[in-house]
Amino acid sequence: MKISHWLAATLTALCTALLPGCDASHLAKIQPGTTAADAVRQIMGEPGFIHWNDDGTATWEYSRQPAGVDCYMISFDRAHIVRQIEQVLTPTTYGRIRPGQSRDDVRRLLGRPGSTMRFDNLGEDIWEWRIRGDMPTDETYFMVHFDLQQGGVKKTSQRVQPKG
């Protein structure tokens, strides 16, 4: 069965529009201090990535990139009970990115990027996340530029692109 491009685009847009509502209802079921890791997995599904902390605990990553604008990090204590839920794609977290940080450090702070690009002429790898912007008519992106020779963060930037 063939699906027209129009129908596929409409269904994709509808799913993207409904995803934040699903996240809100799912996240409301998760209570720090009481919800266990197994329940989180039933509610949210498999995490996109598991970050292991130095103390043996874990933080599960639920990135909504590239179409969404959220990345939820759900941290657990040693008993595998939710300790914290954090939406990390925020100006506060962007401000924690520092020159020289590794790709692993950035991934741990912001989650999986929506896209990555390599610019040999600039000597940069750029990771990009779609984020909430000021205008609903625009799409806003936060970018981390990595130095290809040194390997660490070179700088950060943002770009705004009109929708459509």
C-alpha atoms as a PDB file:
ATOM      1  CA  MET A   1       0.000   0.000   0.000  1.00  0.00           C
ATOM      2  CA  LYS A   2       1.385   3.362  -1.034  1.00  0.00           C
ATOM      3  CA  ILE A   3       1.031   6.372   1.269  1.00  0.00           C
ATOM      4  CA  SER A   4       1.064   9.737  -0.427  1.00  0.00           C
ATOM      5  CA  HIS A   5       3.733  12.246   0.552  1.00  0.00           C
ATOM      6  CA  TRP A   6       0.980  14.558   1.781  1.00  0.00           C
ATOM      7  CA  LEU A   7      -0.496  11.897   4.090  1.00  0.00           C
ATOM      8  CA  ALA A   8       2.926  10.883   5.392  1.00  0.00           C
ATOM      9  CA  ALA A   9       3.808  14.518   6.118  1.00  0.00           C
ATOM     10  CA  THR A  10       0.466  15.073   7.854  1.00  0.00           C
ATOM     11  CA  LEU A  11       0.864  11.988  10.037  1.00  0.00           C
ATOM     12  CA  THR A  12       4.426  12.962  10.938  1.00  0.00           C
ATOM     13  CA  ALA A  13       3.322  16.479  11.891  1.00  0.00           C
ATOM     14  CA  LEU A  14       0.452  15.098  13.968  1.00  0.00           C
ATOM     15  CA  CYS A  15       2.713  12.676  15.851  1.00  0.00           C
ATOM     16  CA  THR A  16       5.252  15.431  16.477  1.00  0.00           C
ATOM     17  CA  ALA A  17       2.527  17.749  17.786  1.00  0.00           C
ATOM     18  CA  LEU A  18       1.123  15.086  20.113  1.00  0.00           C
ATOM     19  CA  LEU A  19       4.471  13.873  21.495  1.00  0.00           C
ATOM     20  CA  PRO A  20       4.857  16.684  24.072  1.00  0.00           C
ATOM     21  CA  GLY A  21       1.376  15.926  25.404  1.00  0.00           C
ATOM     22  CA  CYS A  22       2.267  12.261  25.729  1.00  0.00           C
ATOM     23  CA  ASP A  23       5.472  13.127  27.544  1.00  0.00           C
ATOM     24  CA  ALA A  24       3.578  15.380  29.967  1.00  0.00           C
ATOM     25  CA  SER A  25       1.077  12.670  30.834  1.00  0.00           C
ATOM     26  CA  HIS A  26       3.784  10.006  31.099  1.00  0.00           C
ATOM     27  CA  LEU A  27       6.107  12.150  33.211  1.00  0.00           C
ATOM     28  CA  ALA A  28       3.244  12.999  35.590  1.00  0.00           C
ATOM     29  CA  LYS A  29       3.121   9.276  36.480  1.00  0.00           C
ATOM     30  CA  ILE A  30       6.781   9.308  37.575  1.00  0.00           C
ATOM     31  CA  GLN A  31       7.376  10.532  41.126  1.00  0.00           C
ATOM     32  CA  PRO A  32      10.884  11.165  42.450  1.00  0.00           C
ATOM     33  CA  GLY A  33      11.434   9.206  45.640  1.00  0.00           C
ATOM     34  CA  THR A  34       8.825   6.527  44.865  1.00  0.00           C
ATOM     35  CA  THR A  35       8.872   5.376  41.204  1.00  0.00           C
ATOM     36  CA  ALA A  36      11.166   2.427  40.456  1.00  0.00           C
ATOM     37  CA  ALA A  37      13.268   1.971  37.306  1.00  0.00           C
ATOM     38  CA  ASP A  38      11.049  -0.887  36.051  1.00  0.00           C
ATOM     39  CA  ALA A  39       7.992   1.384  36.224  1.00  0.00           C
ATOM     40  CA  VAL A  40       9.845   4.139  34.335  1.00  0.00           C
ATOM     41  CA  ARG A  41      10.681   1.639  31.603  1.00  0.00           C
ATOM     42  CA  GLN A  42       6.987   0.631  31.383  1.00  0.00           C
ATOM     43  CA  ILE A  43       5.855   4.265  31.242  1.00  0.00           C
ATOM     44  CA  MET A  44       8.526   5.832  29.011  1.00  0.00           C
ATOM     45  CA  GLY A  45       9.917   2.840  27.145  1.00  0.00           C
ATOM     46  CA  GLU A  46      13.576   1.993  26.725  1.00  0.00           C
ATOM     47  CA  PRO A  47      15.935   4.909  27.304  1.00  0.00           C
ATOM     48  CA  GLY A  48      17.860   6.139  24.279  1.00  0.00           C
ATOM     49  CA  PHE A  49      21.041   5.967  26.325  1.00  0.00           C
ATOM     50  CA  ILE A  50      22.094   5.124  29.869  1.00  0.00           C
ATOM     51  CA  HIS A  51      24.738   7.310  31.489  1.00  0.00           C
ATOM     52  CA  TRP A  52      26.548   5.551  34.345  1.00  0.00           C
ATOM     53  CA  ASN A  53      27.500   7.840  37.226  1.00  0.00           C
ATOM     54  CA  ASP A  54      30.713   7.591  39.248  1.00  0.00           C
ATOM     55  CA  ASP A  55      28.774   6.373  42.314  1.00  0.00           C
ATOM     56  CA  GLY A  56      27.303   3.398  40.414  1.00  0.00           C
ATOM     57  CA  THR A  57      23.894   5.000  39.836  1.00  0.00           C
ATOM     58  CA  ALA A  58      22.445   5.670  36.400  1.00  0.00           C
ATOM     59  CA  THR A  59      20.794   8.472  34.469  1.00  0.00           C
ATOM     60  CA  TRP A  60      18.500   7.486  31.620  1.00  0.00           C
ATOM     61  CA  GLU A  61      18.286   9.721  28.551  1.00  0.00           C
ATOM     62  CA  TYR A  62      15.033  10.251  26.661  1.00  0.00           C
ATOM     63  CA  SER A  63      15.884  12.587  23.783  1.00  0.00           C
ATOM     64  CA  ARG A  64      13.090  13.867  21.539  1.00  0.00           C
ATOM     65  CA  GLN A  65      15.517  15.014  18.822  1.00  0.00           C
ATOM     66  CA  PRO A  66      15.479  15.741  15.941  1.00  0.00           C
ATOM     67  CA  ALA A  67      11.782  16.720  15.688  1.00  0.00           C
ATOM     68  CA  GLY A  68      11.140  17.525  19.350  1.00  0.00           C
ATOM     69  CA  VAL A  69      12.629  20.203  21.591  1.00  0.00           C
ATOM     70  CA  ASP A  70      13.081  18.218  24.808  1.00  0.00           C
ATOM     71  CA  CYS A  71      15.550  15.803  26.312  1.00  0.00           C
ATOM     72  CA  TYR A  72      14.617  14.252  29.640  1.00  0.00           C
ATOM     73  CA  MET A  73      17.282  12.903  31.958  1.00  0.00           C
ATOM     74  CA  ILE A  74      15.862  10.630  34.651  1.00  0.00           C
ATOM     75  CA  SER A  75      18.335   9.944  37.457  1.00  0.00           C
ATOM     76  CA  PHE A  76      18.075   7.002  39.849  1.00  0.00           C
ATOM     77  CA  ASP A  77      19.473   6.372  43.322  1.00  0.00           C
ATOM     78  CA  ARG A  78      21.287   3.179  44.373  1.00  0.00           C
ATOM     79  CA  ALA A  79      17.962   1.447  45.064  1.00  0.00           C
ATOM     80  CA  HIS A  80      16.881   2.153  41.437  1.00  0.00           C
ATOM     81  CA  ILE A  81      14.263   4.685  42.541  1.00  0.00           C
ATOM     82  CA  VAL A  82      13.846   7.930  40.583  1.00  0.00           C
ATOM     83  CA  ARG A  83      15.855  10.684  42.224  1.00  0.00           C
ATOM     84  CA  GLN A  84      15.298  13.450  39.668  1.00  0.00           C
ATOM     85  CA  ILE A  85      13.636  14.215  36.325  1.00  0.00           C
ATOM     86  CA  GLU A  86      15.153  17.035  34.336  1.00  0.00           C
ATOM     87  CA  GLN A  87      14.400  18.541  30.918  1.00  0.00           C
ATOM     88  CA  VAL A  88      17.959  19.514  29.985  1.00  0.00           C
ATOM     89  CA  LEU A  89      17.497  21.555  26.811  1.00  0.00           C
ATOM     90  CA  THR A  90      17.354  24.862  28.690  1.00  0.00           C
ATOM     91  CA  PRO A  91      19.439  28.059  28.802  1.00  0.00           C
ATOM     92  CA  THR A  92      20.751  27.015  32.232  1.00  0.00           C
ATOM     93  CA  THR A  93      22.206  23.811  30.805  1.00  0.00           C
ATOM     94  CA  TYR A  94      23.552  25.543  27.682  1.00  0.00           C
ATOM     95  CA  GLY A  95      25.427  27.854  30.065  1.00  0.00           C
ATOM     96  CA  ARG A  96      27.226  24.858  31.553  1.00  0.00           C
ATOM     97  CA  ILE A  97      28.993  24.116  28.261  1.00  0.00           C
ATOM     98  CA  ARG A  98      32.614  25.252  28.526  1.00  0.00           C
ATOM     99  CA  PRO A  99      35.541  25.386  26.069  1.00  0.00           C
ATOM    100  CA  GLY A 100      37.568  22.197  26.161  1.00  0.00           C
ATOM    101  CA  GLN A 101      34.749  19.905  27.340  1.00  0.00           C
ATOM    102  CA  SER A 102      34.653  16.511  25.649  1.00  0.00           C
ATOM    103  CA  ARG A 103      31.904  15.156  23.434  1.00  0.00           C
ATOM    104  CA  ASP A 104      31.003  12.741  26.244  1.00  0.00           C
ATOM    105  CA  ASP A 105      30.621  15.659  28.686  1.00  0.00           C
ATOM    106  CA  VAL A 106      28.322  17.489  26.267  1.00  0.00           C
ATOM    107  CA  ARG A 107      26.275  14.366  25.518  1.00  0.00           C
ATOM    108  CA  ARG A 108      25.812  13.846  29.242  1.00  0.00           C
ATOM    109  CA  LEU A 109      24.561  17.429  29.680  1.00  0.00           C
ATOM    110  CA  LEU A 110      22.336  17.815  26.599  1.00  0.00           C
ATOM    111  CA  GLY A 111      21.595  14.314  25.350  1.00  0.00           C
ATOM    112  CA  ARG A 112      21.824  13.069  21.794  1.00  0.00           C
ATOM    113  CA  PRO A 113      22.007  15.892  19.254  1.00  0.00           C
ATOM    114  CA  GLY A 114      19.420  16.150  16.507  1.00  0.00           C
ATOM    115  CA  SER A 115      22.145  16.386  13.891  1.00  0.00           C
ATOM    116  CA  THR A 116      25.899  16.503  13.516  1.00  0.00           C
ATOM    117  CA  MET A 117      27.932  18.186  10.784  1.00  0.00           C
ATOM    118  CA  ARG A 118      31.629  18.196   9.976  1.00  0.00           C
ATOM    119  CA  PHE A 119      33.319  21.236   8.470  1.00  0.00           C
ATOM    120  CA  ASP A 120      36.916  20.388   7.576  1.00  0.00           C
ATOM    121  CA  ASN A 121      37.492  23.921   6.247  1.00  0.00           C
ATOM    122  CA  LEU A 122      36.573  25.356   9.691  1.00  0.00           C
ATOM    123  CA  GLY A 123      38.236  22.553  11.627  1.00  0.00           C
ATOM    124  CA  GLU A 124      34.921  21.859  13.419  1.00  0.00           C
ATOM    125  CA  ASP A 125      32.375  19.206  14.173  1.00  0.00           C
ATOM    126  CA  ILE A 126      29.062  20.842  15.038  1.00  0.00           C
ATOM    127  CA  TRP A 127      26.373  19.153  17.103  1.00  0.00           C
ATOM    128  CA  GLU A 128      22.930  20.728  16.874  1.00  0.00           C
ATOM    129  CA  TRP A 129      19.770  20.468  18.997  1.00  0.00           C
ATOM    130  CA  ARG A 130      16.360  21.856  18.087  1.00  0.00           C
ATOM    131  CA  ILE A 131      15.226  23.940  21.084  1.00  0.00           C
ATOM    132  CA  ARG A 132      12.351  26.135  22.219  1.00  0.00           C
ATOM    133  CA  GLY A 133      12.605  29.568  20.695  1.00  0.00           C
ATOM    134  CA  ASP A 134      10.978  32.925  21.306  1.00  0.00           C
ATOM    135  CA  MET A 135       8.765  32.924  18.210  1.00  0.00           C
ATOM    136  CA  PRO A 136       6.339  30.129  17.255  1.00  0.00           C
ATOM    137  CA  THR A 137       6.920  31.004  13.587  1.00  0.00           C
ATOM    138  CA  ASP A 138      10.617  30.097  13.838  1.00  0.00           C
ATOM    139  CA  GLU A 139      12.711  27.051  14.613  1.00  0.00           C
ATOM    140  CA  THR A 140      15.618  27.662  16.991  1.00  0.00           C
ATOM    141  CA  TYR A 141      18.755  25.564  17.262  1.00  0.00           C
ATOM    142  CA  PHE A 142      21.555  25.396  19.831  1.00  0.00           C
ATOM    143  CA  MET A 143      24.936  24.330  18.482  1.00  0.00           C
ATOM    144  CA  VAL A 144      28.150  23.122  20.070  1.00  0.00           C
ATOM    145  CA  HIS A 145      31.275  23.491  17.932  1.00  0.00           C
ATOM    146  CA  PHE A 146      34.056  20.957  18.597  1.00  0.00           C
ATOM    147  CA  ASP A 147      37.633  21.626  17.517  1.00  0.00           C
ATOM    148  CA  LEU A 148      38.720  18.818  15.176  1.00  0.00           C
ATOM    149  CA  GLN A 149      42.379  19.035  16.266  1.00  0.00           C
ATOM    150  CA  GLN A 150      41.961  19.517  20.022  1.00  0.00           C
ATOM    151  CA  GLY A 151      38.763  17.446  20.251  1.00  0.00           C
ATOM    152  CA  GLY A 152      37.019  19.599  22.863  1.00  0.00           C
ATOM    153  CA  VAL A 153      34.382  22.312  22.723  1.00  0.00           C
ATOM    154  CA  LYS A 154      35.524  25.352  20.762  1.00  0.00           C
ATOM    155  CA  LYS A 155      32.378  27.501  21.211  1.00  0.00           C
ATOM    156  CA  THR A 156      28.578  27.450  21.229  1.00  0.00           C
ATOM    157  CA  SER A 157      26.096  29.311  19.042  1.00  0.00           C
ATOM    158  CA  GLN A 158      22.424  29.522  18.179  1.00  0.00           C
ATOM    159  CA  ARG A 159      20.570  29.957  14.939  1.00  0.00           C
ATOM    160  CA  VAL A 160      16.972  30.824  14.138  1.00  0.00           C
ATOM    161  CA  GLN A 161      15.280  29.635  10.985  1.00  0.00           C
ATOM    162  CA  PRO A 162      11.797  30.676   9.827  1.00  0.00           C
ATOM    163  CA  LYS A 163       9.412  27.707   9.538  1.00  0.00           C
ATOM    164  CA  GLY A 164       8.162  26.731   6.127  1.00  0.00           C
END
